[in-house]
Amino acid sequence: MISTLTLTWISLYAAEKTKVDAKAVFEKRCSQCHNLERAAAQKKTSKEWEKTVMRMKNVNGCPITDEEAKTIIDYLTTNYGK
């Protein structure tokens, strides 16, 4: 019989394995066109970062998915937000 503790541990382990490394996504995707210090030099609100990232994706043709864009926006807001 599997205990509740074991099931909880398995669930937490699975969630941790699927957690996205936002910094890695930011570094991999954004460094294709920019040096990474460019973002560090700016402080923007979440809406401003969203506008910037979506412009890169939709206008400049940055090859990122919507999910990656959300991850990058969250990362930038957390680390370089106003």
C-alpha atoms as a PDB file:
ATOM      1  CA  MET A   1       0.000   0.000   0.000  1.00  0.00           C
ATOM      2  CA  ILE A   2       1.386   3.396  -0.991  1.00  0.00           C
ATOM      3  CA  SER A   3       1.295   5.970   1.735  1.00  0.00           C
ATOM      4  CA  THR A   4      -0.003   9.495   1.376  1.00  0.00           C
ATOM      5  CA  LEU A   5       3.487  10.786   2.146  1.00  0.00           C
ATOM      6  CA  THR A   6       4.934   8.794  -0.762  1.00  0.00           C
ATOM      7  CA  LEU A   7       2.278  10.092  -3.154  1.00  0.00           C
ATOM      8  CA  THR A   8       2.896  13.653  -1.989  1.00  0.00           C
ATOM      9  CA  TRP A   9       6.640  13.253  -2.533  1.00  0.00           C
ATOM     10  CA  ILE A  10       6.096  11.818  -6.022  1.00  0.00           C
ATOM     11  CA  SER A  11       3.792  14.719  -6.917  1.00  0.00           C
ATOM     12  CA  LEU A  12       6.268  17.305  -5.665  1.00  0.00           C
ATOM     13  CA  TYR A  13       9.140  15.604  -7.500  1.00  0.00           C
ATOM     14  CA  ALA A  14       7.174  15.555 -10.760  1.00  0.00           C
ATOM     15  CA  ALA A  15       6.227  19.227 -10.393  1.00  0.00           C
ATOM     16  CA  GLU A  16       9.858  20.159  -9.757  1.00  0.00           C
ATOM     17  CA  LYS A  17      11.019  18.232 -12.830  1.00  0.00           C
ATOM     18  CA  THR A  18       8.571  20.107 -15.059  1.00  0.00           C
ATOM     19  CA  LYS A  19       9.346  23.540 -13.592  1.00  0.00           C
ATOM     20  CA  VAL A  20      10.714  25.858 -16.257  1.00  0.00           C
ATOM     21  CA  ASP A  21      14.095  27.476 -15.697  1.00  0.00           C
ATOM     22  CA  ALA A  22      13.071  31.017 -16.618  1.00  0.00           C
ATOM     23  CA  LYS A  23      16.607  32.379 -16.501  1.00  0.00           C
ATOM     24  CA  ALA A  24      17.771  29.710 -18.956  1.00  0.00           C
ATOM     25  CA  VAL A  25      14.884  30.483 -21.348  1.00  0.00           C
ATOM     26  CA  PHE A  26      15.681  34.208 -21.155  1.00  0.00           C
ATOM     27  CA  GLU A  27      19.405  33.649 -21.709  1.00  0.00           C
ATOM     28  CA  LYS A  28      18.946  31.178 -24.568  1.00  0.00           C
ATOM     29  CA  ARG A  29      16.301  33.100 -26.480  1.00  0.00           C
ATOM     30  CA  CYS A  30      17.214  36.725 -25.875  1.00  0.00           C
ATOM     31  CA  SER A  31      20.959  36.297 -26.355  1.00  0.00           C
ATOM     32  CA  GLN A  32      20.329  35.289 -29.964  1.00  0.00           C
ATOM     33  CA  CYS A  33      19.945  39.002 -30.794  1.00  0.00           C
ATOM     34  CA  HIS A  34      21.051  40.947 -27.694  1.00  0.00           C
ATOM     35  CA  ASN A  35      23.749  40.880 -25.070  1.00  0.00           C
ATOM     36  CA  LEU A  36      22.066  40.057 -21.782  1.00  0.00           C
ATOM     37  CA  GLU A  37      23.230  43.220 -20.041  1.00  0.00           C
ATOM     38  CA  ARG A  38      20.749  45.133 -22.184  1.00  0.00           C
ATOM     39  CA  ALA A  39      17.826  43.918 -20.052  1.00  0.00           C
ATOM     40  CA  ALA A  40      19.738  44.412 -16.802  1.00  0.00           C
ATOM     41  CA  ALA A  41      20.254  48.068 -17.685  1.00  0.00           C
ATOM     42  CA  GLN A  42      16.491  48.674 -17.854  1.00  0.00           C
ATOM     43  CA  LYS A  43      13.726  48.732 -15.275  1.00  0.00           C
ATOM     44  CA  LYS A  44      10.214  48.266 -16.647  1.00  0.00           C
ATOM     45  CA  THR A  45       6.787  47.394 -15.330  1.00  0.00           C
ATOM     46  CA  SER A  46       5.220  44.052 -16.221  1.00  0.00           C
ATOM     47  CA  LYS A  47       3.135  45.732 -18.938  1.00  0.00           C
ATOM     48  CA  GLU A  48       6.244  47.419 -20.376  1.00  0.00           C
ATOM     49  CA  TRP A  49       8.158  44.124 -20.445  1.00  0.00           C
ATOM     50  CA  GLU A  50       5.170  42.460 -22.060  1.00  0.00           C
ATOM     51  CA  LYS A  51       5.069  45.144 -24.755  1.00  0.00           C
ATOM     52  CA  THR A  52       8.818  44.782 -25.375  1.00  0.00           C
ATOM     53  CA  VAL A  53       8.860  40.975 -25.526  1.00  0.00           C
ATOM     54  CA  MET A  54       5.750  40.760 -27.702  1.00  0.00           C
ATOM     55  CA  ARG A  55       7.227  43.349 -30.082  1.00  0.00           C
ATOM     56  CA  MET A  56      10.355  41.208 -30.374  1.00  0.00           C
ATOM     57  CA  LYS A  57       8.176  38.166 -31.055  1.00  0.00           C
ATOM     58  CA  ASN A  58       5.529  39.617 -33.359  1.00  0.00           C
ATOM     59  CA  VAL A  59       7.320  42.452 -35.148  1.00  0.00           C
ATOM     60  CA  ASN A  60      10.999  41.505 -35.068  1.00  0.00           C
ATOM     61  CA  GLY A  61      10.398  37.799 -35.650  1.00  0.00           C
ATOM     62  CA  CYS A  62      12.012  36.429 -32.501  1.00  0.00           C
ATOM     63  CA  PRO A  63      11.422  32.655 -32.666  1.00  0.00           C
ATOM     64  CA  ILE A  64       9.768  32.140 -29.271  1.00  0.00           C
ATOM     65  CA  THR A  65       6.520  30.461 -28.375  1.00  0.00           C
ATOM     66  CA  ASP A  66       3.744  32.196 -26.451  1.00  0.00           C
ATOM     67  CA  GLU A  67       4.689  30.098 -23.424  1.00  0.00           C
ATOM     68  CA  GLU A  68       8.338  31.149 -23.682  1.00  0.00           C
ATOM     69  CA  ALA A  69       7.264  34.791 -24.048  1.00  0.00           C
ATOM     70  CA  LYS A  70       5.228  34.527 -20.831  1.00  0.00           C
ATOM     71  CA  THR A  71       8.180  32.908 -19.043  1.00  0.00           C
ATOM     72  CA  ILE A  72      10.548  35.642 -20.250  1.00  0.00           C
ATOM     73  CA  ILE A  73       8.131  38.427 -19.289  1.00  0.00           C
ATOM     74  CA  ASP A  74       7.732  36.956 -15.796  1.00  0.00           C
ATOM     75  CA  TYR A  75      11.509  36.578 -15.443  1.00  0.00           C
ATOM     76  CA  LEU A  76      12.195  40.151 -16.593  1.00  0.00           C
ATOM     77  CA  THR A  77       9.463  41.569 -14.347  1.00  0.00           C
ATOM     78  CA  THR A  78      10.793  39.703 -11.319  1.00  0.00           C
ATOM     79  CA  ASN A  79      14.437  40.565 -11.906  1.00  0.00           C
ATOM     80  CA  TYR A  80      14.310  43.898 -13.749  1.00  0.00           C
ATOM     81  CA  GLY A  81      10.922  45.313 -12.831  1.00  0.00           C
ATOM     82  CA  LYS A  82       9.992  48.740 -11.543  1.00  0.00           C
END
